[in-house]
Protein backbone atom coordinates (compact mmCIF):
# COMPACT_ATOMS: atom_id res chain seq x y z
CA MET A 1 -103.00 -67.20 -28.11
CA PRO A 2 -100.07 -67.42 -25.67
CA GLU A 3 -97.48 -64.67 -25.55
CA ARG A 4 -94.99 -67.06 -27.13
CA VAL A 5 -96.42 -68.38 -30.40
CA PRO A 6 -95.85 -72.15 -30.79
CA LYS A 7 -93.52 -73.19 -33.57
CA PRO A 8 -95.50 -73.61 -36.82
CA PRO A 9 -95.20 -76.82 -38.88
CA ARG A 10 -92.00 -76.67 -40.95
CA HIS A 11 -93.70 -77.51 -44.24
CA LEU A 12 -95.87 -74.38 -43.98
CA VAL A 13 -93.21 -71.75 -43.27
CA ARG A 14 -89.73 -70.64 -44.22
CA ALA A 15 -87.87 -71.25 -40.98
CA PRO A 16 -86.20 -68.06 -39.69
CA ARG A 17 -82.48 -68.30 -39.03
CA GLN A 18 -82.26 -65.50 -36.47
CA GLN A 19 -84.24 -64.37 -33.44
CA ARG A 20 -85.38 -61.22 -35.23
CA GLY A 21 -86.84 -63.38 -37.99
CA ARG A 22 -88.72 -65.52 -35.48
CA GLU A 23 -90.11 -62.40 -33.77
CA ARG A 24 -91.30 -61.04 -37.12
CA GLN A 25 -92.91 -64.38 -37.95
CA ASP A 26 -94.72 -64.42 -34.59
CA ALA A 27 -95.90 -60.84 -35.15
CA LEU A 28 -97.33 -61.76 -38.55
CA ILE A 29 -99.19 -64.69 -37.01
CA ARG A 30 -100.68 -62.47 -34.32
CA ALA A 31 -101.66 -59.96 -37.01
CA GLY A 32 -103.66 -62.62 -38.82
CA LEU A 33 -105.40 -63.72 -35.65
CA HIS A 34 -106.32 -60.12 -34.90
CA LEU A 35 -107.60 -59.40 -38.41
CA THR A 36 -109.80 -62.49 -38.50
CA GLU A 37 -111.56 -61.45 -35.30
CA THR A 38 -113.53 -58.86 -37.24
CA ARG A 39 -113.08 -59.63 -40.95
CA ASN A 40 -113.84 -62.48 -43.31
CA TRP A 41 -110.72 -64.29 -44.46
CA ASP A 42 -111.50 -63.65 -48.14
CA GLU A 43 -111.38 -59.91 -47.42
CA VAL A 44 -107.95 -60.05 -45.77
CA LYS A 45 -105.07 -59.39 -48.20
CA VAL A 46 -101.37 -59.98 -47.71
CA ASP A 47 -100.97 -56.19 -47.79
CA ASP A 48 -103.34 -55.94 -44.81
CA ILE A 49 -101.38 -58.53 -42.83
CA ALA A 50 -98.07 -56.79 -43.51
CA ALA A 51 -99.52 -53.35 -42.75
CA GLU A 52 -100.80 -54.60 -39.39
CA ILE A 53 -97.19 -54.82 -38.13
CA GLY A 54 -95.66 -52.17 -40.36
CA CYS A 55 -93.64 -54.42 -42.67
CA SER A 56 -93.57 -55.01 -46.43
CA THR A 57 -95.30 -57.80 -48.33
CA GLY A 58 -91.81 -58.98 -49.24
CA THR A 59 -91.15 -59.65 -45.56
CA PHE A 60 -94.34 -61.70 -45.42
CA TYR A 61 -93.14 -63.93 -48.25
CA THR A 62 -89.76 -64.45 -46.60
CA ARG A 63 -91.62 -66.17 -43.76
CA PHE A 64 -94.61 -67.86 -45.49
CA HIS A 65 -94.85 -69.58 -48.85
CA ASN A 66 -98.20 -67.96 -49.71
CA LYS A 67 -101.46 -66.80 -48.17
CA ALA A 68 -102.93 -70.32 -48.16
CA ALA A 69 -99.97 -71.71 -46.22
CA TYR A 70 -100.21 -68.78 -43.81
CA PHE A 71 -103.87 -69.56 -43.19
CA ASP A 72 -103.01 -73.21 -42.52
CA VAL A 73 -100.46 -72.02 -39.94
CA LEU A 74 -103.10 -69.91 -38.19
CA VAL A 75 -105.59 -72.79 -38.07
CA ASP A 76 -102.95 -75.22 -36.81
CA LEU A 77 -101.81 -72.90 -34.02
CA VAL A 78 -105.32 -71.95 -32.93
CA THR A 79 -106.24 -75.64 -32.85
CA GLN A 80 -103.20 -76.29 -30.65
CA ALA A 81 -104.33 -73.53 -28.29
CA MET A 82 -107.88 -74.88 -28.14
CA GLN A 83 -106.65 -78.43 -27.49
CA ALA A 84 -104.30 -77.25 -24.74
CA ARG A 85 -107.19 -75.40 -23.11
CA SER A 86 -109.38 -78.49 -23.41
CA ASN A 87 -106.71 -80.76 -21.91
CA ALA A 88 -106.25 -78.42 -18.96
CA PHE A 89 -110.01 -78.39 -18.35
CA PHE A 90 -110.44 -82.15 -18.39
CA ASP A 91 -107.31 -82.76 -16.30
CA ALA A 92 -108.19 -80.19 -13.63
CA PRO A 93 -108.64 -81.75 -10.16
CA GLU A 94 -111.92 -79.89 -9.62
CA ARG A 95 -113.56 -82.21 -12.18
CA ASN A 96 -113.52 -84.92 -9.49
CA ALA A 97 -115.82 -82.97 -7.16
CA GLU A 98 -118.48 -82.00 -9.70
CA SER A 99 -121.93 -83.40 -10.24
CA PRO A 100 -122.85 -84.32 -13.85
CA HIS A 101 -124.91 -81.12 -14.11
CA GLN A 102 -122.03 -78.96 -12.90
CA PHE A 103 -119.62 -80.68 -15.26
CA VAL A 104 -121.85 -80.19 -18.31
CA GLU A 105 -122.44 -76.54 -17.43
CA ARG A 106 -118.69 -75.85 -17.18
CA TRP A 107 -117.96 -77.90 -20.30
CA ILE A 108 -120.38 -75.66 -22.19
CA GLY A 109 -118.54 -72.64 -20.82
CA LEU A 110 -115.25 -74.03 -22.12
CA ALA A 111 -116.68 -74.51 -25.62
CA LEU A 112 -118.22 -71.05 -25.67
CA HIS A 113 -114.95 -69.46 -24.61
CA SER A 114 -112.96 -71.22 -27.35
CA PHE A 115 -115.45 -70.43 -30.10
CA ALA A 116 -115.82 -66.78 -29.05
CA THR A 117 -112.06 -66.23 -28.63
CA HIS A 118 -111.24 -67.55 -32.11
CA ARG A 119 -114.50 -66.75 -33.84
CA GLY A 120 -113.16 -65.09 -36.99
CA LEU A 121 -110.58 -67.72 -37.74
CA TYR A 122 -112.91 -70.57 -36.84
CA ALA A 123 -115.56 -69.27 -39.24
CA ALA A 124 -113.00 -68.98 -42.04
CA ALA A 125 -111.73 -72.49 -41.36
CA VAL A 126 -115.24 -73.97 -41.48
CA ILE A 127 -115.90 -72.25 -44.80
CA GLU A 128 -112.58 -73.54 -46.18
CA LEU A 129 -113.50 -77.07 -45.08
CA ARG A 130 -116.64 -76.89 -47.20
CA ARG A 131 -114.55 -75.98 -50.22
CA ASP A 132 -111.84 -78.60 -49.68
CA PRO A 133 -111.96 -82.05 -51.30
CA PRO A 134 -112.90 -84.80 -48.80
CA GLN A 135 -109.36 -86.12 -48.39
CA ARG A 136 -107.92 -82.72 -47.50
CA ALA A 137 -110.87 -81.86 -45.26
CA ALA A 138 -110.44 -85.13 -43.34
CA ALA A 139 -106.87 -84.12 -42.45
CA SER A 140 -107.93 -80.76 -40.99
CA PRO A 141 -106.59 -80.10 -37.48
CA LEU A 142 -109.95 -78.51 -36.74
CA LEU A 143 -111.77 -81.81 -37.31
CA ARG A 144 -109.14 -83.68 -35.31
CA PHE A 145 -109.76 -81.28 -32.43
CA ARG A 146 -113.54 -81.75 -32.72
CA ASP A 147 -113.16 -85.53 -32.59
CA ARG A 148 -110.70 -85.38 -29.68
CA SER A 149 -112.89 -83.01 -27.67
CA ARG A 150 -115.89 -85.31 -28.22
CA GLU A 151 -113.83 -88.27 -27.00
CA GLN A 152 -112.74 -86.32 -23.91
CA PHE A 153 -116.34 -85.39 -23.14
CA MET A 154 -117.47 -89.01 -23.43
CA GLN A 155 -114.64 -90.26 -21.22
CA ALA A 156 -115.38 -87.62 -18.59
CA MET A 157 -119.08 -88.50 -18.46
CA ALA A 158 -118.21 -92.20 -18.15
CA ARG A 159 -116.99 -91.47 -14.62
CA TRP A 160 -120.63 -91.91 -13.66
CA PRO A 161 -121.89 -95.48 -14.23
CA HIS A 162 -125.20 -94.28 -15.69
CA TRP A 163 -123.37 -92.95 -18.76
CA ARG A 164 -121.49 -96.12 -19.66
CA SER A 165 -124.25 -97.98 -21.52
CA GLU A 166 -124.48 -97.89 -25.30
CA ALA A 167 -127.81 -96.04 -25.17
CA ALA A 168 -126.32 -93.42 -22.84
CA ARG A 169 -123.30 -93.02 -25.11
CA ARG A 170 -125.56 -92.35 -28.09
CA GLN A 171 -127.36 -89.72 -26.05
CA LEU A 172 -124.06 -88.06 -25.14
CA LEU A 173 -122.93 -88.09 -28.77
CA PHE A 174 -126.07 -86.23 -29.76
CA ALA A 175 -125.64 -83.76 -26.90
CA HIS A 176 -122.15 -82.99 -28.25
CA GLN A 177 -123.58 -82.63 -31.75
CA LEU A 178 -126.26 -80.24 -30.49
CA LEU A 179 -123.69 -78.01 -28.82
CA GLN A 180 -121.39 -78.04 -31.84
CA GLY A 181 -124.28 -77.21 -34.15
CA VAL A 182 -125.38 -74.21 -32.11
CA LEU A 183 -121.83 -72.85 -31.82
CA VAL A 184 -120.89 -73.35 -35.47
CA ASN A 185 -124.12 -71.63 -36.50
CA ALA A 186 -123.34 -68.75 -34.13
CA VAL A 187 -119.83 -68.46 -35.56
CA LEU A 188 -120.98 -68.49 -39.19
CA THR A 189 -124.22 -66.50 -39.16
CA ASP A 190 -124.62 -65.05 -35.62
CA PRO A 191 -128.43 -65.32 -35.97
CA GLY A 192 -129.32 -64.22 -32.43
CA PRO A 193 -131.22 -63.37 -30.38
CA LEU A 194 -128.40 -64.67 -28.16
CA HIS A 195 -124.83 -64.18 -29.36
CA LEU A 196 -121.59 -65.96 -28.49
CA ARG A 197 -120.54 -63.52 -25.79
CA ASP A 198 -123.98 -63.17 -24.21
CA PRO A 199 -123.86 -64.74 -20.71
CA GLU A 200 -127.45 -65.87 -21.21
CA LEU A 201 -126.39 -68.18 -24.05
CA ARG A 202 -124.39 -70.32 -21.63
CA ALA A 203 -127.32 -70.49 -19.22
CA GLN A 204 -129.79 -71.45 -21.94
CA LEU A 205 -127.48 -74.08 -23.43
CA ALA A 206 -126.88 -75.57 -20.00
CA ALA A 207 -130.61 -75.69 -19.30
CA THR A 208 -131.35 -77.26 -22.69
CA LEU A 209 -128.65 -79.94 -22.60
CA SER A 210 -129.28 -80.74 -18.93
CA ALA A 211 -132.98 -81.24 -19.67
CA TYR A 212 -132.16 -83.46 -22.66
CA LEU A 213 -129.72 -85.53 -20.60
CA GLY A 214 -132.01 -85.60 -17.56
CA LEU A 215 -129.48 -83.91 -15.28
CA ARG A 216 -130.70 -82.21 -12.14
CA LYS A 217 -129.06 -79.16 -10.70
CA THR A 218 -127.69 -79.94 -7.27
CA PRO A 219 -128.39 -77.42 -4.49
CA PRO A 220 -125.42 -75.43 -3.19
């Protein structure tokens, strides 16, 4: 997350009136992000969040309506951070000089970085999605980010004429699904033998998706 936490949606928080209140709110948000790096969300209590920054649970409730609203704030802000990172990647001028193989390899690196950086919160959000009724789940910022990132991937690959046909688009959609499936499984169960932060995972994913898409590695 950036040093300056983005402003949370107003319906999820009690807006602070003073700078000190905003700083305390930001600190509580960072505390939640830190706790979910190593712990399941169900295990995290409001007392734990408050203790992380040395405040009372009463202070927590002056900023957030309840634990569920607080969690929604965390998911919303992390999704914003992931989308901003994705936008910067796809807009970077170096995309114009890449081969399809190079682009796919670096796109995989982007996805791995986002999933590994926000692993704890992402896992909790996926579990919550399974529990939510369909209408609430459909409105999840996490699913909006997934759909937007898929759209950006498809648009980027369409720079090359070969990937503009309907058959090619279906192949790209499945490539995106394959990557998402591997990463979500790694986030939820971490089955190994390769883990999210293992450099070899990126290499193996790049080799697998490049082979499926028929992409050849260009010589240096």
